[in-house]
Structure formats: structure tokens, C-alpha cells
Amino acid sequence: MFHSLDYIYGKEPKHLNTVSKRYPFGEVSINYEAKDNTITNILISGDFFEKENIKELEAKLIGYKLYSKDLNIDISKYIENMTNDQFINLLKG
């Protein structure tokens, strides 16, 4: 039986994910890569009102553990009217 080199050498491939949801304040789409349940790359887009530069939020989210409730970033500073719970639940898909 043939296996990929990542399988043979025990390297977990990156997990690619896209999630999107419409809220009363606009649609939020998140494309991210994760390895070992940790965000390694992320792109946030949508038709929401951006209060501060979304690129700053993306940079702060690198290293965030998926499935963690501890998000020490005020999401509403970047996406108007979005709560941290809404953002975390969207990431969970």
C-alpha cells in the first residue's frame, strides 16, 4: 500500500477551511489554514462595516487555537456589532 510522504514521516497536513455567515450587520467570510488546531493563515472578508484595519485582526489571530473560548481580542473593534462569541462560533463552522 502506498502512502504520502507526510503520512510516512508523521507530518499532519494543513487543514484548509472556509466559513461564511450572514448577520444583521453583514456577511462575514473567513478562509483559514490550520495545523494542529492552530490558525496558521487567515483571510477575513465580507460586506460588514470595518471599524479598524481587518489586516491587523488577521495578524492577531495567527496562532489562535481553534475550539478555544479564550479570544483576548475585541472583535467588535474590527467588525462593527460582531461579538466574540459570534466570531468563535463562525470559526467552528
PDB file of N, CA and C in Angstrom:
ATOM      1  N   MET A   1       0.847  -1.184   0.000  1.00  0.00           N
ATOM      2  CA  MET A   1       0.000   0.000   0.000  1.00  0.00           C
ATOM      3  C   MET A   1       0.889   1.243   0.000  1.00  0.00           C
ATOM      4  N   PHE A   2       0.548   2.223  -0.808  1.00  0.00           N
ATOM      5  CA  PHE A   2       1.324   3.447  -0.914  1.00  0.00           C
ATOM      6  C   PHE A   2       0.726   4.529  -0.019  1.00  0.00           C
ATOM      7  N   HIS A   3       1.594   5.323   0.584  1.00  0.00           N
ATOM      8  CA  HIS A   3       1.172   6.436   1.436  1.00  0.00           C
ATOM      9  C   HIS A   3       1.934   7.690   1.023  1.00  0.00           C
ATOM     10  N   SER A   4       1.368   8.836   1.353  1.00  0.00           N
ATOM     11  CA  SER A   4       2.067  10.089   1.073  1.00  0.00           C
ATOM     12  C   SER A   4       3.285  10.207   1.983  1.00  0.00           C
ATOM     13  N   LEU A   5       4.229  11.048   1.583  1.00  0.00           N
ATOM     14  CA  LEU A   5       5.419  11.263   2.411  1.00  0.00           C
ATOM     15  C   LEU A   5       5.051  11.862   3.761  1.00  0.00           C
ATOM     16  N   ASP A   6       4.029  12.739   3.787  1.00  0.00           N
ATOM     17  CA  ASP A   6       3.591  13.312   5.058  1.00  0.00           C
ATOM     18  C   ASP A   6       3.093  12.219   5.996  1.00  0.00           C
ATOM     19  N   TYR A   7       2.360  11.257   5.468  1.00  0.00           N
ATOM     20  CA  TYR A   7       1.865  10.153   6.290  1.00  0.00           C
ATOM     21  C   TYR A   7       3.035   9.314   6.794  1.00  0.00           C
ATOM     22  N   ILE A   8       3.948   8.992   5.906  1.00  0.00           N
ATOM     23  CA  ILE A   8       5.080   8.136   6.264  1.00  0.00           C
ATOM     24  C   ILE A   8       5.941   8.789   7.341  1.00  0.00           C
ATOM     25  N   TYR A   9       6.186  10.084   7.216  1.00  0.00           N
ATOM     26  CA  TYR A   9       7.062  10.771   8.163  1.00  0.00           C
ATOM     27  C   TYR A   9       6.303  11.443   9.308  1.00  0.00           C
ATOM     28  N   GLY A  10       5.026  11.191   9.423  1.00  0.00           N
ATOM     29  CA  GLY A  10       4.252  11.655  10.573  1.00  0.00           C
ATOM     30  C   GLY A  10       3.925  13.130  10.587  1.00  0.00           C
ATOM     31  N   LYS A  11       3.924  13.779   9.456  1.00  0.00           N
ATOM     32  CA  LYS A  11       3.580  15.192   9.402  1.00  0.00           C
ATOM     33  C   LYS A  11       2.107  15.330   9.063  1.00  0.00           C
ATOM     34  N   GLU A  12       1.400  16.070   9.894  1.00  0.00           N
ATOM     35  CA  GLU A  12      -0.022  16.308   9.638  1.00  0.00           C
ATOM     36  C   GLU A  12      -0.162  17.398   8.583  1.00  0.00           C
ATOM     37  N   PRO A  13      -0.911  17.145   7.516  1.00  0.00           N
ATOM     38  CA  PRO A  13      -1.100  18.193   6.511  1.00  0.00           C
ATOM     39  C   PRO A  13      -1.912  19.349   7.080  1.00  0.00           C
ATOM     40  N   LYS A  14      -1.752  20.522   6.486  1.00  0.00           N
ATOM     41  CA  LYS A  14      -2.530  21.679   6.913  1.00  0.00           C
ATOM     42  C   LYS A  14      -4.001  21.445   6.605  1.00  0.00           C
ATOM     43  N   HIS A  15      -4.843  22.011   7.450  1.00  0.00           N
ATOM     44  CA  HIS A  15      -6.283  21.901   7.267  1.00  0.00           C
ATOM     45  C   HIS A  15      -6.784  23.223   6.686  1.00  0.00           C
ATOM     46  N   LEU A  16      -7.410  23.184   5.526  1.00  0.00           N
ATOM     47  CA  LEU A  16      -7.966  24.371   4.886  1.00  0.00           C
ATOM     48  C   LEU A  16      -9.460  24.432   5.174  1.00  0.00           C
ATOM     49  N   ASN A  17      -9.954  25.608   5.489  1.00  0.00           N
ATOM     50  CA  ASN A  17     -11.362  25.729   5.827  1.00  0.00           C
ATOM     51  C   ASN A  17     -11.899  27.086   5.372  1.00  0.00           C
ATOM     52  N   THR A  18     -13.160  27.090   4.974  1.00  0.00           N
ATOM     53  CA  THR A  18     -13.874  28.314   4.623  1.00  0.00           C
ATOM     54  C   THR A  18     -15.218  28.291   5.331  1.00  0.00           C
ATOM     55  N   VAL A  19     -15.506  29.367   6.044  1.00  0.00           N
ATOM     56  CA  VAL A  19     -16.800  29.500   6.716  1.00  0.00           C
ATOM     57  C   VAL A  19     -17.366  30.879   6.384  1.00  0.00           C
ATOM     58  N   SER A  20     -18.684  30.962   6.320  1.00  0.00           N
ATOM     59  CA  SER A  20     -19.336  32.219   5.976  1.00  0.00           C
ATOM     60  C   SER A  20     -20.727  32.234   6.590  1.00  0.00           C
ATOM     61  N   LYS A  21     -21.137  33.418   7.035  1.00  0.00           N
ATOM     62  CA  LYS A  21     -22.481  33.541   7.602  1.00  0.00           C
ATOM     63  C   LYS A  21     -22.945  34.982   7.455  1.00  0.00           C
ATOM     64  N   ARG A  22     -24.260  35.125   7.203  1.00  0.00           N
ATOM     65  CA  ARG A  22     -24.872  36.449   7.122  1.00  0.00           C
ATOM     66  C   ARG A  22     -25.467  36.783   8.487  1.00  0.00           C
ATOM     67  N   TYR A  23     -25.154  37.984   8.944  1.00  0.00           N
ATOM     68  CA  TYR A  23     -25.676  38.530  10.199  1.00  0.00           C
ATOM     69  C   TYR A  23     -26.444  39.801   9.867  1.00  0.00           C
ATOM     70  N   PRO A  24     -27.201  40.359  10.825  1.00  0.00           N
ATOM     71  CA  PRO A  24     -27.906  41.617  10.559  1.00  0.00           C
ATOM     72  C   PRO A  24     -26.962  42.756  10.145  1.00  0.00           C
ATOM     73  N   PHE A  25     -25.715  42.705  10.588  1.00  0.00           N
ATOM     74  CA  PHE A  25     -24.745  43.755  10.274  1.00  0.00           C
ATOM     75  C   PHE A  25     -23.948  43.478   8.999  1.00  0.00           C
ATOM     76  N   GLY A  26     -24.150  42.317   8.369  1.00  0.00           N
ATOM     77  CA  GLY A  26     -23.464  41.994   7.120  1.00  0.00           C
ATOM     78  C   GLY A  26     -22.964  40.563   7.089  1.00  0.00           C
ATOM     79  N   GLU A  27     -22.446  40.176   5.946  1.00  0.00           N
ATOM     80  CA  GLU A  27     -21.900  38.826   5.793  1.00  0.00           C
ATOM     81  C   GLU A  27     -20.423  38.828   6.176  1.00  0.00           C
ATOM     82  N   VAL A  28     -20.009  37.768   6.886  1.00  0.00           N
ATOM     83  CA  VAL A  28     -18.614  37.604   7.276  1.00  0.00           C
ATOM     84  C   VAL A  28     -18.142  36.270   6.715  1.00  0.00           C
ATOM     85  N   SER A  29     -17.048  36.304   5.955  1.00  0.00           N
ATOM     86  CA  SER A  29     -16.442  35.094   5.396  1.00  0.00           C
ATOM     87  C   SER A  29     -15.025  34.977   5.934  1.00  0.00           C
ATOM     88  N   ILE A  30     -14.671  33.766   6.342  1.00  0.00           N
ATOM     89  CA  ILE A  30     -13.332  33.517   6.873  1.00  0.00           C
ATOM     90  C   ILE A  30     -12.736  32.329   6.136  1.00  0.00           C
ATOM     91  N   ASN A  31     -11.585  32.544   5.544  1.00  0.00           N
ATOM     92  CA  ASN A  31     -10.802  31.470   4.937  1.00  0.00           C
ATOM     93  C   ASN A  31      -9.556  31.324   5.799  1.00  0.00           C
ATOM     94  N   TYR A  32      -9.296  30.107   6.264  1.00  0.00           N
ATOM     95  CA  TYR A  32      -8.110  29.941   7.101  1.00  0.00           C
ATOM     96  C   TYR A  32      -7.469  28.578   6.906  1.00  0.00           C
ATOM     97  N   GLU A  33      -6.181  28.540   7.221  1.00  0.00           N
ATOM     98  CA  GLU A  33      -5.421  27.302   7.271  1.00  0.00           C
ATOM     99  C   GLU A  33      -5.111  27.048   8.736  1.00  0.00           C
ATOM    100  N   ALA A  34      -5.159  25.781   9.123  1.00  0.00           N
ATOM    101  CA  ALA A  34      -4.828  25.428  10.493  1.00  0.00           C
ATOM    102  C   ALA A  34      -3.972  24.176  10.501  1.00  0.00           C
ATOM    103  N   LYS A  35      -3.081  24.135  11.450  1.00  0.00           N
ATOM    104  CA  LYS A  35      -2.283  22.935  11.676  1.00  0.00           C
ATOM    105  C   LYS A  35      -2.307  22.669  13.170  1.00  0.00           C
ATOM    106  N   ASP A  36      -2.580  21.428  13.541  1.00  0.00           N
ATOM    107  CA  ASP A  36      -2.708  21.056  14.956  1.00  0.00           C
ATOM    108  C   ASP A  36      -3.714  21.963  15.662  1.00  0.00           C
ATOM    109  N   ASN A  37      -4.834  22.259  14.988  1.00  0.00           N
ATOM    110  CA  ASN A  37      -5.914  23.101  15.518  1.00  0.00           C
ATOM    111  C   ASN A  37      -5.471  24.519  15.854  1.00  0.00           C
ATOM    112  N   THR A  38      -4.429  25.000  15.195  1.00  0.00           N
ATOM    113  CA  THR A  38      -3.934  26.354  15.400  1.00  0.00           C
ATOM    114  C   THR A  38      -3.943  27.086  14.059  1.00  0.00           C
ATOM    115  N   ILE A  39      -4.493  28.299  14.043  1.00  0.00           N
ATOM    116  CA  ILE A  39      -4.559  29.079  12.811  1.00  0.00           C
ATOM    117  C   ILE A  39      -3.151  29.465  12.370  1.00  0.00           C
ATOM    118  N   THR A  40      -2.833  29.141  11.117  1.00  0.00           N
ATOM    119  CA  THR A  40      -1.524  29.486  10.555  1.00  0.00           C
ATOM    120  C   THR A  40      -1.631  30.562   9.477  1.00  0.00           C
ATOM    121  N   ASN A  41      -2.821  30.724   8.921  1.00  0.00           N
ATOM    122  CA  ASN A  41      -3.055  31.740   7.897  1.00  0.00           C
ATOM    123  C   ASN A  41      -4.548  32.032   7.880  1.00  0.00           C
ATOM    124  N   ILE A  42      -4.925  33.297   7.691  1.00  0.00           N
ATOM    125  CA  ILE A  42      -6.348  33.640   7.741  1.00  0.00           C
ATOM    126  C   ILE A  42      -6.633  34.859   6.865  1.00  0.00           C
ATOM    127  N   LEU A  43      -7.807  34.843   6.247  1.00  0.00           N
ATOM    128  CA  LEU A  43      -8.292  35.958   5.436  1.00  0.00           C
ATOM    129  C   LEU A  43      -9.757  36.176   5.795  1.00  0.00           C
ATOM    130  N   ILE A  44     -10.084  37.386   6.229  1.00  0.00           N
ATOM    131  CA  ILE A  44     -11.455  37.734   6.617  1.00  0.00           C
ATOM    132  C   ILE A  44     -11.985  38.742   5.603  1.00  0.00           C
ATOM    133  N   SER A  45     -13.191  38.478   5.093  1.00  0.00           N
ATOM    134  CA  SER A  45     -13.801  39.392   4.124  1.00  0.00           C
ATOM    135  C   SER A  45     -15.303  39.418   4.347  1.00  0.00           C
ATOM    136  N   GLY A  46     -15.972  40.322   3.652  1.00  0.00           N
ATOM    137  CA  GLY A  46     -17.426  40.403   3.744  1.00  0.00           C
ATOM    138  C   GLY A  46     -17.914  41.808   3.460  1.00  0.00           C
ATOM    139  N   ASP A  47     -19.225  42.002   3.666  1.00  0.00           N
ATOM    140  CA  ASP A  47     -19.812  43.317   3.417  1.00  0.00           C
ATOM    141  C   ASP A  47     -20.185  44.017   4.721  1.00  0.00           C
ATOM    142  N   PHE A  48     -19.473  43.710   5.779  1.00  0.00           N
ATOM    143  CA  PHE A  48     -19.655  44.329   7.087  1.00  0.00           C
ATOM    144  C   PHE A  48     -18.915  45.671   7.131  1.00  0.00           C
ATOM    145  N   PHE A  49     -19.233  46.492   8.160  1.00  0.00           N
ATOM    146  CA  PHE A  49     -18.536  47.758   8.338  1.00  0.00           C
ATOM    147  C   PHE A  49     -17.257  47.494   9.122  1.00  0.00           C
ATOM    148  N   GLU A  50     -16.136  47.791   8.496  1.00  0.00           N
ATOM    149  CA  GLU A  50     -14.817  47.576   9.095  1.00  0.00           C
ATOM    150  C   GLU A  50     -14.433  48.820   9.896  1.00  0.00           C
ATOM    151  N   LYS A  51     -14.376  48.688  11.223  1.00  0.00           N
ATOM    152  CA  LYS A  51     -14.054  49.834  12.069  1.00  0.00           C
ATOM    153  C   LYS A  51     -12.557  50.122  12.094  1.00  0.00           C
ATOM    154  N   GLU A  52     -11.757  49.073  12.204  1.00  0.00           N
ATOM    155  CA  GLU A  52     -10.299  49.200  12.148  1.00  0.00           C
ATOM    156  C   GLU A  52      -9.798  48.239  11.081  1.00  0.00           C
ATOM    157  N   ASN A  53      -8.565  48.399  10.676  1.00  0.00           N
ATOM    158  CA  ASN A  53      -7.994  47.602   9.596  1.00  0.00           C
ATOM    159  C   ASN A  53      -8.089  46.106   9.897  1.00  0.00           C
ATOM    160  N   ILE A  54      -8.807  45.377   9.056  1.00  0.00           N
ATOM    161  CA  ILE A  54      -9.040  43.943   9.259  1.00  0.00           C
ATOM    162  C   ILE A  54      -7.734  43.151   9.181  1.00  0.00           C
ATOM    163  N   LYS A  55      -6.739  43.681   8.480  1.00  0.00           N
ATOM    164  CA  LYS A  55      -5.427  43.013   8.384  1.00  0.00           C
ATOM    165  C   LYS A  55      -4.774  42.908   9.761  1.00  0.00           C
ATOM    166  N   GLU A  56      -5.012  43.908  10.624  1.00  0.00           N
ATOM    167  CA  GLU A  56      -4.487  43.862  11.995  1.00  0.00           C
ATOM    168  C   GLU A  56      -5.118  42.705  12.762  1.00  0.00           C
ATOM    169  N   LEU A  57      -6.424  42.525  12.597  1.00  0.00           N
ATOM    170  CA  LEU A  57      -7.116  41.413  13.255  1.00  0.00           C
ATOM    171  C   LEU A  57      -6.577  40.083  12.743  1.00  0.00           C
ATOM    172  N   GLU A  58      -6.413  39.964  11.441  1.00  0.00           N
ATOM    173  CA  GLU A  58      -5.891  38.719  10.866  1.00  0.00           C
ATOM    174  C   GLU A  58      -4.523  38.385  11.459  1.00  0.00           C
ATOM    175  N   ALA A  59      -3.663  39.378  11.591  1.00  0.00           N
ATOM    176  CA  ALA A  59      -2.326  39.151  12.157  1.00  0.00           C
ATOM    177  C   ALA A  59      -2.417  38.683  13.610  1.00  0.00           C
ATOM    178  N   LYS A  60      -3.351  39.251  14.368  1.00  0.00           N
ATOM    179  CA  LYS A  60      -3.516  38.871  15.777  1.00  0.00           C
ATOM    180  C   LYS A  60      -4.065  37.455  15.928  1.00  0.00           C
ATOM    181  N   LEU A  61      -4.783  36.968  14.917  1.00  0.00           N
ATOM    182  CA  LEU A  61      -5.395  35.639  15.006  1.00  0.00           C
ATOM    183  C   LEU A  61      -4.434  34.505  14.648  1.00  0.00           C
ATOM    184  N   ILE A  62      -3.291  34.817  14.054  1.00  0.00           N
ATOM    185  CA  ILE A  62      -2.306  33.774  13.765  1.00  0.00           C
ATOM    186  C   ILE A  62      -1.834  33.203  15.104  1.00  0.00           C
ATOM    187  N   GLY A  63      -1.923  31.891  15.237  1.00  0.00           N
ATOM    188  CA  GLY A  63      -1.545  31.234  16.486  1.00  0.00           C
ATOM    189  C   GLY A  63      -2.724  30.948  17.406  1.00  0.00           C
ATOM    190  N   TYR A  64      -3.921  31.460  17.051  1.00  0.00           N
ATOM    191  CA  TYR A  64      -5.116  31.213  17.869  1.00  0.00           C
ATOM    192  C   TYR A  64      -5.510  29.746  17.760  1.00  0.00           C
ATOM    193  N   LYS A  65      -5.772  29.133  18.905  1.00  0.00           N
ATOM    194  CA  LYS A  65      -6.202  27.736  18.943  1.00  0.00           C
ATOM    195  C   LYS A  65      -7.692  27.661  18.622  1.00  0.00           C
ATOM    196  N   LEU A  66      -8.027  26.914  17.583  1.00  0.00           N
ATOM    197  CA  LEU A  66      -9.432  26.679  17.261  1.00  0.00           C
ATOM    198  C   LEU A  66     -10.060  25.927  18.425  1.00  0.00           C
ATOM    199  N   TYR A  67     -11.316  26.111  18.638  1.00  0.00           N
ATOM    200  CA  TYR A  67     -12.088  25.462  19.695  1.00  0.00           C
ATOM    201  C   TYR A  67     -11.769  26.029  21.072  1.00  0.00           C
ATOM    202  N   SER A  68     -10.998  27.095  21.136  1.00  0.00           N
ATOM    203  CA  SER A  68     -10.739  27.765  22.399  1.00  0.00           C
ATOM    204  C   SER A  68     -11.772  28.871  22.575  1.00  0.00           C
ATOM    205  N   LYS A  69     -12.222  29.060  23.785  1.00  0.00           N
ATOM    206  CA  LYS A  69     -13.156  30.154  24.072  1.00  0.00           C
ATOM    207  C   LYS A  69     -12.402  31.421  24.471  1.00  0.00           C
ATOM    208  N   ASP A  70     -11.093  31.305  24.682  1.00  0.00           N
ATOM    209  CA  ASP A  70     -10.289  32.437  25.134  1.00  0.00           C
ATOM    210  C   ASP A  70      -9.775  33.247  23.955  1.00  0.00           C
ATOM    211  N   LEU A  71     -10.547  34.224  23.551  1.00  0.00           N
ATOM    212  CA  LEU A  71     -10.144  35.124  22.474  1.00  0.00           C
ATOM    213  C   LEU A  71      -9.970  36.502  23.100  1.00  0.00           C
ATOM    214  N   ASN A  72      -8.725  36.896  23.317  1.00  0.00           N
ATOM    215  CA  ASN A  72      -8.430  38.143  24.014  1.00  0.00           C
ATOM    216  C   ASN A  72      -8.358  39.336  23.068  1.00  0.00           C
ATOM    217  N   ILE A  73      -9.203  39.310  22.067  1.00  0.00           N
ATOM    218  CA  ILE A  73      -9.282  40.392  21.085  1.00  0.00           C
ATOM    219  C   ILE A  73     -10.738  40.842  21.041  1.00  0.00           C
ATOM    220  N   ASP A  74     -10.969  42.140  21.071  1.00  0.00           N
ATOM    221  CA  ASP A  74     -12.334  42.657  20.949  1.00  0.00           C
ATOM    222  C   ASP A  74     -12.692  42.713  19.464  1.00  0.00           C
ATOM    223  N   ILE A  75     -13.414  41.694  19.003  1.00  0.00           N
ATOM    224  CA  ILE A  75     -13.770  41.583  17.585  1.00  0.00           C
ATOM    225  C   ILE A  75     -14.569  42.797  17.115  1.00  0.00           C
ATOM    226  N   SER A  76     -15.408  43.358  17.993  1.00  0.00           N
ATOM    227  CA  SER A  76     -16.243  44.500  17.594  1.00  0.00           C
ATOM    228  C   SER A  76     -15.410  45.745  17.276  1.00  0.00           C
ATOM    229  N   LYS A  77     -14.128  45.766  17.662  1.00  0.00           N
ATOM    230  CA  LYS A  77     -13.234  46.863  17.269  1.00  0.00           C
ATOM    231  C   LYS A  77     -12.943  46.819  15.775  1.00  0.00           C
ATOM    232  N   TYR A  78     -13.093  45.642  15.185  1.00  0.00           N
ATOM    233  CA  TYR A  78     -12.763  45.442  13.779  1.00  0.00           C
ATOM    234  C   TYR A  78     -14.007  45.250  12.916  1.00  0.00           C
ATOM    235  N   ILE A  79     -14.965  44.474  13.415  1.00  0.00           N
ATOM    236  CA  ILE A  79     -16.211  44.203  12.680  1.00  0.00           C
ATOM    237  C   ILE A  79     -17.356  44.741  13.534  1.00  0.00           C
ATOM    238  N   GLU A  80     -17.919  45.854  13.092  1.00  0.00           N
ATOM    239  CA  GLU A  80     -18.941  46.519  13.900  1.00  0.00           C
ATOM    240  C   GLU A  80     -20.116  45.590  14.193  1.00  0.00           C
ATOM    241  N   ASN A  81     -20.496  45.542  15.467  1.00  0.00           N
ATOM    242  CA  ASN A  81     -21.633  44.783  16.001  1.00  0.00           C
ATOM    243  C   ASN A  81     -21.399  43.279  16.099  1.00  0.00           C
ATOM    244  N   MET A  82     -20.228  42.787  15.765  1.00  0.00           N
ATOM    245  CA  MET A  82     -19.960  41.348  15.909  1.00  0.00           C
ATOM    246  C   MET A  82     -19.395  41.088  17.298  1.00  0.00           C
ATOM    247  N   THR A  83     -19.944  40.067  17.966  1.00  0.00           N
ATOM    248  CA  THR A  83     -19.442  39.699  19.286  1.00  0.00           C
ATOM    249  C   THR A  83     -18.352  38.633  19.151  1.00  0.00           C
ATOM    250  N   ASN A  84     -17.579  38.484  20.205  1.00  0.00           N
ATOM    251  CA  ASN A  84     -16.555  37.442  20.211  1.00  0.00           C
ATOM    252  C   ASN A  84     -17.187  36.063  20.084  1.00  0.00           C
ATOM    253  N   ASP A  85     -18.317  35.841  20.757  1.00  0.00           N
ATOM    254  CA  ASP A  85     -18.995  34.538  20.671  1.00  0.00           C
ATOM    255  C   ASP A  85     -19.439  34.241  19.239  1.00  0.00           C
ATOM    256  N   GLN A  86     -19.979  35.235  18.548  1.00  0.00           N
ATOM    257  CA  GLN A  86     -20.380  35.030  17.148  1.00  0.00           C
ATOM    258  C   GLN A  86     -19.175  34.655  16.294  1.00  0.00           C
ATOM    259  N   PHE A  87     -18.061  35.338  16.503  1.00  0.00           N
ATOM    260  CA  PHE A  87     -16.857  35.073  15.722  1.00  0.00           C
ATOM    261  C   PHE A  87     -16.324  33.666  16.002  1.00  0.00           C
ATOM    262  N   ILE A  88     -16.250  33.289  17.264  1.00  0.00           N
ATOM    263  CA  ILE A  88     -15.761  31.957  17.645  1.00  0.00           C
ATOM    264  C   ILE A  88     -16.666  30.875  17.069  1.00  0.00           C
ATOM    265  N   ASN A  89     -17.978  31.065  17.177  1.00  0.00           N
ATOM    266  CA  ASN A  89     -18.916  30.074  16.635  1.00  0.00           C
ATOM    267  C   ASN A  89     -18.810  29.967  15.116  1.00  0.00           C
ATOM    268  N   LEU A  90     -18.559  31.080  14.441  1.00  0.00           N
ATOM    269  CA  LEU A  90     -18.368  31.042  12.991  1.00  0.00           C
ATOM    270  C   LEU A  90     -17.109  30.246  12.643  1.00  0.00           C
ATOM    271  N   LEU A  91     -16.030  30.470  13.374  1.00  0.00           N
ATOM    272  CA  LEU A  91     -14.794  29.713  13.133  1.00  0.00           C
ATOM    273  C   LEU A  91     -15.011  28.208  13.298  1.00  0.00           C
ATOM    274  N   LYS A  92     -15.837  27.836  14.245  1.00  0.00           N
ATOM    275  CA  LYS A  92     -16.104  26.413  14.497  1.00  0.00           C
ATOM    276  C   LYS A  92     -16.919  25.788  13.379  1.00  0.00           C
ATOM    277  N   GLY A  93     -17.530  26.646  12.558  1.00  0.00           N
ATOM    278  CA  GLY A  93     -18.311  26.145  11.431  1.00  0.00           C
ATOM    279  C   GLY A  93     -19.640  25.726  11.858  1.00  0.00           C
TER     280      GLY A  93
END
